[in-house]
N, C-alpha and C. Protein backbone atom coordinates (compact mmCIF):
# COMPACT_ATOMS: atom_id res chain seq x y z
N VAL A 1 75.09 -1.04 136.10
CA VAL A 1 73.82 -0.39 135.84
C VAL A 1 73.81 0.97 136.51
N ALA A 2 73.40 2.00 135.80
CA ALA A 2 73.31 3.34 136.38
C ALA A 2 72.16 3.37 137.37
N LEU A 3 72.42 3.93 138.54
CA LEU A 3 71.38 4.03 139.55
C LEU A 3 70.51 5.25 139.33
N THR A 4 71.05 6.27 138.71
CA THR A 4 70.29 7.48 138.45
C THR A 4 70.89 8.19 137.25
N ASP A 5 70.03 8.85 136.51
CA ASP A 5 70.48 9.65 135.38
C ASP A 5 71.27 10.84 135.89
N GLY A 6 70.85 11.41 136.98
CA GLY A 6 71.53 12.56 137.55
C GLY A 6 70.75 13.10 138.73
N SER A 7 71.41 13.85 139.54
CA SER A 7 70.76 14.32 140.75
C SER A 7 69.65 15.33 140.48
N THR A 8 69.69 16.03 139.35
CA THR A 8 68.63 16.97 139.03
C THR A 8 67.95 16.68 137.70
N SER A 9 68.35 15.63 137.02
CA SER A 9 67.75 15.29 135.74
C SER A 9 66.32 14.78 135.94
N ALA A 10 65.48 15.10 134.98
CA ALA A 10 64.09 14.64 135.06
C ALA A 10 64.00 13.16 134.74
N THR A 11 63.04 12.50 135.35
CA THR A 11 62.72 11.13 134.99
C THR A 11 62.15 11.15 133.58
N PRO A 12 62.59 10.25 132.69
CA PRO A 12 62.09 10.28 131.32
C PRO A 12 60.56 10.31 131.27
N GLY A 13 60.06 11.23 130.44
CA GLY A 13 58.63 11.36 130.27
C GLY A 13 57.97 12.37 131.19
N THR A 14 58.67 12.81 132.23
CA THR A 14 58.07 13.78 133.15
C THR A 14 58.39 15.22 132.75
N ASP A 15 59.33 15.40 131.87
CA ASP A 15 59.73 16.75 131.43
C ASP A 15 59.01 17.08 130.12
N CYS A 16 57.73 17.40 130.23
CA CYS A 16 56.88 17.54 129.05
C CYS A 16 56.54 18.99 128.71
N ASN A 17 57.14 19.97 129.40
CA ASN A 17 56.83 21.37 129.13
C ASN A 17 57.97 22.12 128.47
N GLY A 18 58.91 21.41 127.89
CA GLY A 18 59.99 22.03 127.14
C GLY A 18 61.24 22.28 127.96
N PRO A 19 62.33 22.60 127.27
CA PRO A 19 63.63 22.73 127.94
C PRO A 19 63.70 23.90 128.93
N THR A 20 63.01 25.00 128.66
CA THR A 20 63.08 26.12 129.60
C THR A 20 62.42 25.76 130.92
N ALA A 21 61.26 25.14 130.87
CA ALA A 21 60.59 24.69 132.11
C ALA A 21 61.46 23.67 132.83
N LEU A 22 62.13 22.82 132.08
CA LEU A 22 62.98 21.79 132.68
C LEU A 22 64.15 22.41 133.44
N ILE A 23 64.82 23.40 132.84
CA ILE A 23 65.95 23.99 133.56
C ILE A 23 65.50 24.80 134.77
N LYS A 24 64.32 25.41 134.68
CA LYS A 24 63.79 26.13 135.84
C LYS A 24 63.50 25.16 136.98
N SER A 25 62.91 24.03 136.66
CA SER A 25 62.63 23.02 137.68
C SER A 25 63.92 22.48 138.28
N ALA A 26 64.90 22.23 137.44
CA ALA A 26 66.18 21.70 137.93
C ALA A 26 66.86 22.70 138.84
N ALA A 27 66.81 23.97 138.47
CA ALA A 27 67.44 25.00 139.29
C ALA A 27 66.74 25.14 140.64
N GLU A 28 65.43 24.98 140.66
CA GLU A 28 64.67 25.07 141.92
C GLU A 28 64.86 23.83 142.78
N ALA A 29 65.12 22.71 142.16
CA ALA A 29 65.17 21.43 142.89
C ALA A 29 66.40 21.29 143.77
N MET A 30 67.49 21.93 143.37
CA MET A 30 68.75 21.75 144.09
C MET A 30 69.01 22.90 145.04
N ASN A 31 69.51 22.55 146.20
CA ASN A 31 70.02 23.54 147.14
C ASN A 31 71.51 23.64 146.86
N TYR A 32 71.89 24.58 145.99
CA TYR A 32 73.28 24.66 145.55
C TYR A 32 74.22 25.09 146.67
N ALA A 33 73.69 25.72 147.70
CA ALA A 33 74.54 26.08 148.84
C ALA A 33 74.93 24.84 149.63
N GLN A 34 74.07 23.82 149.59
CA GLN A 34 74.33 22.59 150.35
C GLN A 34 75.20 21.61 149.56
N TYR A 35 75.01 21.57 148.24
CA TYR A 35 75.74 20.62 147.40
C TYR A 35 76.73 21.36 146.52
N SER A 36 77.95 20.87 146.47
CA SER A 36 78.97 21.56 145.68
C SER A 36 78.80 21.30 144.19
N SER A 37 78.12 20.25 143.82
CA SER A 37 77.87 19.98 142.41
C SER A 37 76.66 19.08 142.28
N ASN A 38 76.20 18.94 141.07
CA ASN A 38 75.10 18.05 140.75
C ASN A 38 75.27 17.58 139.33
N ILE A 39 74.43 16.66 138.94
CA ILE A 39 74.45 16.14 137.58
C ILE A 39 73.11 16.46 136.95
N PHE A 40 73.13 17.18 135.85
CA PHE A 40 71.92 17.54 135.13
C PHE A 40 72.15 17.20 133.67
N ASN A 41 71.49 16.15 133.20
CA ASN A 41 71.63 15.68 131.83
C ASN A 41 70.46 16.14 130.98
N LEU A 42 70.76 16.55 129.76
CA LEU A 42 69.75 16.85 128.76
C LEU A 42 70.12 16.10 127.48
N LYS A 43 69.11 15.63 126.77
CA LYS A 43 69.34 14.97 125.48
C LYS A 43 68.69 15.81 124.39
N PHE A 44 69.51 16.32 123.47
CA PHE A 44 69.01 17.12 122.36
C PHE A 44 69.04 16.31 121.07
N HIS A 45 68.01 16.52 120.25
CA HIS A 45 68.03 15.97 118.91
C HIS A 45 69.10 16.73 118.12
N PRO A 46 69.86 16.07 117.27
CA PRO A 46 70.94 16.74 116.54
C PRO A 46 70.50 17.96 115.73
N THR A 47 69.24 18.02 115.30
CA THR A 47 68.78 19.17 114.52
C THR A 47 68.81 20.46 115.33
N VAL A 48 68.88 20.36 116.66
CA VAL A 48 68.95 21.55 117.50
C VAL A 48 70.20 22.39 117.17
N PHE A 49 71.22 21.74 116.67
CA PHE A 49 72.47 22.45 116.38
C PHE A 49 72.66 22.72 114.88
N ALA A 50 71.58 22.67 114.14
CA ALA A 50 71.66 22.81 112.68
C ALA A 50 71.83 24.25 112.21
N THR A 51 71.39 25.22 113.00
CA THR A 51 71.47 26.62 112.57
C THR A 51 72.12 27.47 113.66
N ASN A 52 72.61 28.63 113.25
CA ASN A 52 73.17 29.56 114.23
C ASN A 52 72.11 30.00 115.23
N ASP A 53 70.88 30.21 114.76
CA ASP A 53 69.80 30.63 115.65
C ASP A 53 69.51 29.58 116.72
N SER A 54 69.44 28.32 116.31
CA SER A 54 69.15 27.26 117.29
C SER A 54 70.33 27.06 118.25
N ARG A 55 71.54 27.19 117.76
CA ARG A 55 72.71 27.09 118.66
C ARG A 55 72.70 28.22 119.67
N ARG A 56 72.27 29.41 119.24
CA ARG A 56 72.17 30.56 120.15
C ARG A 56 71.12 30.29 121.23
N LYS A 57 70.04 29.61 120.85
CA LYS A 57 69.00 29.27 121.83
C LYS A 57 69.54 28.32 122.89
N VAL A 58 70.38 27.38 122.49
CA VAL A 58 71.00 26.47 123.46
C VAL A 58 71.91 27.25 124.39
N LEU A 59 72.69 28.16 123.83
CA LEU A 59 73.56 29.01 124.65
C LEU A 59 72.73 29.82 125.65
N ASP A 60 71.62 30.39 125.19
CA ASP A 60 70.74 31.15 126.08
C ASP A 60 70.15 30.26 127.17
N LEU A 61 69.81 29.03 126.82
CA LEU A 61 69.28 28.08 127.79
C LEU A 61 70.32 27.79 128.88
N ILE A 62 71.55 27.54 128.47
CA ILE A 62 72.63 27.26 129.43
C ILE A 62 72.85 28.48 130.33
N LYS A 63 72.90 29.66 129.73
CA LYS A 63 73.10 30.88 130.50
C LYS A 63 71.97 31.08 131.51
N THR A 64 70.75 30.84 131.10
CA THR A 64 69.61 30.97 132.01
C THR A 64 69.75 30.02 133.18
N TYR A 65 70.14 28.78 132.91
CA TYR A 65 70.31 27.81 133.98
C TYR A 65 71.38 28.28 134.97
N MET A 66 72.49 28.77 134.45
CA MET A 66 73.55 29.26 135.34
C MET A 66 73.10 30.49 136.12
N ASP A 67 72.35 31.40 135.46
CA ASP A 67 71.83 32.58 136.15
C ASP A 67 70.86 32.20 137.27
N LEU A 68 70.18 31.07 137.13
CA LEU A 68 69.25 30.60 138.17
C LEU A 68 69.96 29.85 139.29
N GLY A 69 71.28 29.73 139.19
CA GLY A 69 72.04 29.07 140.25
C GLY A 69 72.59 27.71 139.87
N GLY A 70 72.27 27.22 138.70
CA GLY A 70 72.82 25.94 138.27
C GLY A 70 74.33 26.02 138.13
N ASN A 71 75.00 24.89 138.30
CA ASN A 71 76.46 24.93 138.20
C ASN A 71 77.04 23.81 137.35
N HIS A 72 76.20 22.97 136.78
CA HIS A 72 76.71 21.87 135.97
C HIS A 72 75.59 21.38 135.07
N ILE A 73 75.90 21.22 133.80
CA ILE A 73 74.92 20.68 132.85
C ILE A 73 75.71 19.90 131.79
N GLN A 74 75.17 18.78 131.38
CA GLN A 74 75.84 17.97 130.37
C GLN A 74 74.82 17.46 129.37
N PHE A 75 75.28 17.17 128.16
CA PHE A 75 74.37 16.89 127.05
C PHE A 75 74.69 15.59 126.33
N ASN A 76 73.65 15.00 125.81
CA ASN A 76 73.75 14.01 124.75
C ASN A 76 73.11 14.67 123.54
N VAL A 77 73.76 14.57 122.40
CA VAL A 77 73.21 15.09 121.15
C VAL A 77 73.14 13.91 120.19
N VAL A 78 72.02 13.24 120.25
CA VAL A 78 71.84 12.02 119.47
C VAL A 78 70.34 11.73 119.39
N ASP A 79 69.91 11.13 118.31
CA ASP A 79 68.49 10.81 118.20
C ASP A 79 68.23 9.34 118.53
N VAL A 80 66.98 9.06 118.82
CA VAL A 80 66.57 7.71 119.21
C VAL A 80 66.88 6.70 118.11
N GLU A 81 66.67 7.10 116.86
CA GLU A 81 66.91 6.19 115.74
C GLU A 81 68.37 5.73 115.71
N THR A 82 69.29 6.64 115.95
CA THR A 82 70.71 6.28 115.97
C THR A 82 71.01 5.31 117.10
N LEU A 83 70.46 5.57 118.27
CA LEU A 83 70.70 4.68 119.42
C LEU A 83 70.11 3.29 119.18
N ARG A 84 68.93 3.23 118.61
CA ARG A 84 68.32 1.92 118.30
C ARG A 84 69.15 1.18 117.25
N ASP A 85 69.63 1.91 116.25
CA ASP A 85 70.46 1.28 115.22
C ASP A 85 71.77 0.78 115.83
N ALA A 86 72.30 1.53 116.79
CA ALA A 86 73.53 1.10 117.47
C ALA A 86 73.30 -0.18 118.26
N GLN A 87 72.12 -0.34 118.83
CA GLN A 87 71.81 -1.60 119.52
C GLN A 87 71.76 -2.76 118.53
N SER A 88 71.20 -2.51 117.36
CA SER A 88 71.07 -3.56 116.35
C SER A 88 72.36 -3.86 115.60
N HIS A 89 73.19 -2.83 115.44
CA HIS A 89 74.42 -2.96 114.66
C HIS A 89 75.60 -2.37 115.43
N PRO A 90 75.95 -2.95 116.56
CA PRO A 90 76.99 -2.36 117.40
C PRO A 90 78.34 -2.19 116.71
N ASP A 91 78.68 -3.06 115.76
CA ASP A 91 79.97 -2.94 115.07
C ASP A 91 80.08 -1.63 114.29
N GLN A 92 78.94 -1.05 113.91
CA GLN A 92 78.95 0.20 113.15
C GLN A 92 79.00 1.44 114.04
N TYR A 93 78.91 1.24 115.35
CA TYR A 93 78.82 2.37 116.28
C TYR A 93 79.81 2.26 117.44
N ARG A 94 80.94 1.66 117.21
CA ARG A 94 81.93 1.47 118.28
C ARG A 94 82.43 2.78 118.88
N ASP A 95 82.33 3.87 118.12
CA ASP A 95 82.84 5.15 118.61
C ASP A 95 81.75 6.08 119.15
N LEU A 96 80.52 5.61 119.29
CA LEU A 96 79.41 6.42 119.79
C LEU A 96 79.50 6.54 121.31
N VAL A 97 79.76 7.76 121.78
CA VAL A 97 79.92 8.03 123.21
C VAL A 97 78.69 8.79 123.70
N VAL A 98 78.17 8.39 124.86
CA VAL A 98 77.04 9.07 125.48
C VAL A 98 77.37 9.43 126.92
N ARG A 99 76.68 10.46 127.44
CA ARG A 99 76.74 10.78 128.86
C ARG A 99 75.76 9.85 129.56
N VAL A 100 76.19 9.26 130.66
CA VAL A 100 75.33 8.33 131.38
C VAL A 100 74.85 9.01 132.67
N ALA A 101 75.65 9.02 133.68
CA ALA A 101 75.28 9.64 134.96
C ALA A 101 76.56 10.15 135.60
N GLY A 102 77.05 11.26 135.09
CA GLY A 102 78.30 11.82 135.59
C GLY A 102 79.52 11.26 134.91
N TYR A 103 79.35 10.44 133.93
CA TYR A 103 80.48 9.90 133.18
C TYR A 103 80.05 9.63 131.74
N SER A 104 81.01 9.54 130.86
CA SER A 104 80.77 9.20 129.46
C SER A 104 81.17 7.75 129.24
N ALA A 105 80.51 7.11 128.29
CA ALA A 105 80.82 5.71 127.99
C ALA A 105 80.49 5.42 126.53
N PHE A 106 81.16 4.43 125.99
CA PHE A 106 80.81 3.96 124.65
C PHE A 106 79.46 3.26 124.75
N PHE A 107 78.49 3.73 123.99
CA PHE A 107 77.12 3.24 124.07
C PHE A 107 77.02 1.73 123.90
N VAL A 108 77.70 1.19 122.91
CA VAL A 108 77.53 -0.23 122.59
C VAL A 108 78.08 -1.16 123.67
N TYR A 109 78.92 -0.63 124.58
CA TYR A 109 79.47 -1.46 125.65
C TYR A 109 78.67 -1.35 126.95
N LEU A 110 77.67 -0.49 126.97
CA LEU A 110 76.84 -0.35 128.16
C LEU A 110 75.91 -1.54 128.31
N ASP A 111 75.56 -1.85 129.53
CA ASP A 111 74.54 -2.85 129.80
C ASP A 111 73.25 -2.46 129.07
N PRO A 112 72.52 -3.41 128.52
CA PRO A 112 71.28 -3.07 127.80
C PRO A 112 70.28 -2.25 128.63
N LEU A 113 70.24 -2.45 129.93
CA LEU A 113 69.34 -1.64 130.76
C LEU A 113 69.76 -0.18 130.80
N VAL A 114 71.06 0.06 130.81
CA VAL A 114 71.56 1.44 130.79
C VAL A 114 71.35 2.04 129.41
N GLN A 115 71.57 1.26 128.36
CA GLN A 115 71.28 1.74 127.01
C GLN A 115 69.83 2.19 126.91
N GLU A 116 68.95 1.39 127.44
CA GLU A 116 67.52 1.72 127.37
C GLU A 116 67.20 2.99 128.15
N GLU A 117 67.86 3.16 129.28
CA GLU A 117 67.63 4.38 130.07
C GLU A 117 68.05 5.61 129.28
N VAL A 118 69.18 5.55 128.60
CA VAL A 118 69.64 6.67 127.78
C VAL A 118 68.66 6.92 126.63
N ILE A 119 68.18 5.87 126.02
CA ILE A 119 67.22 5.99 124.92
C ILE A 119 65.92 6.63 125.39
N GLN A 120 65.47 6.28 126.58
CA GLN A 120 64.19 6.76 127.08
C GLN A 120 64.21 8.22 127.54
N ARG A 121 65.38 8.82 127.68
CA ARG A 121 65.43 10.23 128.06
C ARG A 121 64.71 11.06 127.00
N THR A 122 64.03 12.07 127.46
CA THR A 122 63.28 12.93 126.55
C THR A 122 64.23 13.59 125.56
N GLU A 123 63.87 13.53 124.30
CA GLU A 123 64.66 14.12 123.22
C GLU A 123 64.16 15.54 123.00
N LEU A 124 64.92 16.52 123.46
CA LEU A 124 64.49 17.91 123.40
C LEU A 124 64.76 18.53 122.03
N ARG A 125 63.87 19.40 121.65
CA ARG A 125 64.02 20.21 120.44
C ARG A 125 63.69 21.64 120.82
N LEU A 126 64.23 22.59 120.10
CA LEU A 126 63.95 24.00 120.37
C LEU A 126 63.10 24.59 119.26
């Protein structure tokens, strides 16, 4: 069972002001001089990468986080419907990999509590 989503990741449901506010909060939360690294997870809906403009916005978001002192960010790009379907039909999703808490894992092999934690992460859109 994952003990934490990440050292700077928001608790699901608390990141309600959008991705820019979230990265600003994450950058302020960590003392990067004290810690050599951290884990900051974001979950994007796949439509975020549908256009060049939206992909550019993600790039700008990452750059802003790094400019604010962030040094590590990792993503899940999957929607809730896919994750729920994977729970119901695991044989159809054996190759679905998600970021958990500093590591990647095949979703269908995760403990159901960890699966639920990944599902409950806020699904960001730009």
